[in-house]
Protein backbone atom coordinates (compact mmCIF):
# COMPACT_ATOMS: atom_id res chain seq x y z
CA MET A 1 0.20 -0.13 0.15
CA LEU A 2 1.15 3.35 -0.71
CA ASP A 3 -0.20 6.74 0.89
CA THR A 4 0.66 9.76 -0.98
CA SER A 5 0.08 13.44 -1.98
CA GLY A 6 1.11 12.63 -5.38
CA PHE A 7 3.62 15.48 -5.33
CA GLY A 8 6.78 14.40 -6.91
CA LYS A 9 8.18 13.17 -10.27
CA GLU A 10 6.23 10.74 -12.68
CA GLU A 11 9.02 8.38 -13.17
CA ASP A 12 9.00 7.98 -9.26
CA LEU A 13 5.32 7.34 -9.05
CA LEU A 14 5.73 4.38 -11.83
CA LEU A 15 8.42 3.10 -9.81
CA LEU A 16 6.73 2.65 -6.71
CA LEU A 17 3.43 1.72 -8.74
CA LYS A 18 5.43 -1.56 -9.35
CA ARG A 19 5.53 -2.52 -5.69
CA VAL A 20 1.98 -1.56 -4.60
CA ASP A 21 -1.25 -3.21 -4.84
CA LEU A 22 -3.58 -0.17 -3.49
CA VAL A 23 -2.89 3.44 -3.26
CA TYR A 24 -4.56 6.26 -0.99
CA TYR A 25 -4.08 9.37 -3.21
CA ASP A 26 -4.53 12.69 -1.23
CA LEU A 27 -6.56 15.19 -3.22
CA LYS A 28 -6.92 18.76 -1.62
CA LEU A 29 -7.64 21.51 -3.82
CA VAL A 30 -8.03 21.59 -7.64
CA ASP A 31 -7.87 25.14 -8.42
CA PRO A 32 -4.15 25.93 -9.09
CA THR A 33 -4.18 29.34 -7.00
CA LEU A 34 -5.87 28.00 -3.97
CA HIS A 35 -3.54 24.96 -3.85
CA ARG A 36 -0.22 27.37 -3.99
CA ARG A 37 -1.92 29.59 -1.52
CA TYR A 38 -2.69 26.93 0.98
CA THR A 39 0.12 24.23 0.27
CA GLY A 40 2.96 26.52 -0.99
CA GLN A 41 3.09 24.40 -4.11
CA ASP A 42 1.51 24.23 -7.58
CA ASN A 43 -0.70 21.13 -8.22
CA ALA A 44 -0.09 20.47 -11.82
CA SER A 45 2.51 17.51 -11.15
CA ILE A 46 0.04 16.02 -8.45
CA LEU A 47 -3.22 16.11 -11.29
CA ARG A 48 -0.78 14.86 -13.88
CA ASN A 49 0.33 11.80 -11.33
CA LEU A 50 -3.24 11.02 -10.49
CA ALA A 51 -3.73 10.58 -14.51
CA VAL A 52 -0.63 8.29 -14.30
CA LEU A 53 -2.30 6.24 -11.66
CA SER A 54 -5.42 5.68 -13.20
CA GLN A 55 -4.20 4.38 -16.41
CA SER A 56 -2.15 2.22 -14.33
CA SER A 57 -3.24 -1.55 -12.90
CA VAL A 58 -3.33 -0.29 -9.32
CA PRO A 59 -6.73 0.53 -7.75
CA PHE A 60 -6.56 3.80 -5.68
CA VAL A 61 -8.71 5.89 -3.34
CA ILE A 62 -8.58 9.34 -3.54
CA ARG A 63 -8.92 10.87 -0.16
CA VAL A 64 -10.11 14.58 0.46
CA PRO A 65 -8.93 16.16 3.79
CA LEU A 66 -12.03 18.64 4.31
CA VAL A 67 -10.65 21.98 6.08
CA PRO A 68 -13.37 24.13 6.62
CA GLY A 69 -13.67 27.03 4.00
CA VAL A 70 -10.67 25.87 2.09
CA THR A 71 -10.84 22.28 0.36
CA ASP A 72 -14.64 21.77 1.59
CA THR A 73 -16.21 24.21 -0.44
CA ASP A 74 -19.11 23.47 -2.92
CA GLU A 75 -16.83 24.31 -5.80
CA ASN A 76 -13.80 22.03 -4.72
CA LEU A 77 -15.98 19.18 -3.99
CA ALA A 78 -17.65 19.42 -7.50
CA SER A 79 -14.23 19.90 -9.21
CA ILE A 80 -12.98 16.64 -7.36
CA ALA A 81 -16.06 14.99 -8.55
CA GLU A 82 -15.87 15.74 -12.17
CA ILE A 83 -12.23 14.46 -11.94
CA ALA A 84 -12.96 11.36 -10.39
CA ARG A 85 -15.92 10.41 -12.50
CA THR A 86 -13.30 10.08 -15.49
CA LEU A 87 -10.85 7.64 -13.50
CA PRO A 88 -10.67 4.02 -14.46
CA ARG A 89 -9.48 1.92 -11.49
CA MET A 90 -10.65 4.39 -8.47
CA VAL A 91 -12.30 2.53 -5.96
CA ARG A 92 -13.80 5.17 -4.13
CA VAL A 93 -13.49 8.98 -2.84
CA ASP A 94 -13.05 9.16 1.16
CA LEU A 95 -13.74 12.35 2.68
CA LEU A 96 -11.75 12.90 5.37
CA PRO A 97 -12.85 14.93 8.99
CA TYR A 98 -10.63 18.23 9.67
CA ASN A 99 -7.84 17.09 11.72
CA ARG A 100 -7.36 19.80 14.41
CA ALA A 101 -3.87 18.53 15.50
CA ALA A 102 -2.13 19.11 12.09
CA GLY A 103 -1.32 22.55 13.49
CA ALA A 104 0.76 21.15 16.17
CA LYS A 105 3.37 19.72 13.35
CA TYR A 106 4.21 23.45 12.46
CA GLU A 107 5.46 24.21 16.15
CA THR A 108 7.50 20.88 15.86
CA ALA A 109 9.16 22.40 12.38
CA GLY A 110 9.92 25.82 14.48
CA LYS A 111 7.00 27.76 13.04
CA ARG A 112 3.45 29.49 14.08
CA PHE A 113 0.70 27.91 12.50
CA LEU A 114 -1.69 30.97 11.66
CA PRO A 115 -4.52 29.58 9.87
CA ASP A 116 -6.64 32.10 7.92
CA TYR A 117 -9.80 30.07 8.15
CA ASN A 118 -12.26 29.05 10.92
CA GLU A 119 -11.13 25.73 12.28
CA ASN A 120 -14.63 25.75 14.77
CA GLN A 121 -16.78 25.74 11.32
CA PRO A 122 -18.52 22.53 10.90
CA VAL A 123 -17.29 20.89 7.62
CA ASN A 124 -18.96 20.51 4.49
CA ALA A 125 -18.94 17.08 3.63
CA LYS A 126 -21.46 16.72 1.06
CA THR A 127 -21.31 13.90 -0.82
CA MET A 128 -23.98 14.74 -3.43
CA PHE A 129 -21.50 16.17 -5.81
CA PHE A 130 -20.05 12.68 -6.18
CA GLU A 131 -23.20 10.66 -6.12
CA ARG A 132 -24.53 12.78 -9.05
CA VAL A 133 -21.87 11.68 -10.83
CA GLY A 134 -21.88 8.08 -10.18
CA VAL A 135 -18.56 8.20 -7.74
CA LYS A 136 -18.81 6.38 -4.68
CA VAL A 137 -17.97 8.25 -1.79
CA ARG A 138 -17.79 7.94 1.96
């Protein structure tokens, strides 16, 4: 099993795919501007590697970590659903609850965690965007 954000070189992903029988693939944001804003990185290689993964023989699960007001917006979930419906070998999409403990990782790295979103806001875990296009979601 491989658990990945998909950020990396395509050739490295292809090598890893030869050694695993299932992939958990985190997909946070589809919009490249928002992805760069919240992760500090472009998402072009992530989306490209997702396409590479979908053409492999390895089944995979897309996981969406729900961050209130960031990754859980209707627009982002609908965009992920549109991508997911086109991917062969995808088993399902998992919507993951917001992890408040993630901010503690910043302190360990010597940084301050200053989110520009409301951590107390309930997350939007609407499955209808996926169900509407025939994608299994939980």
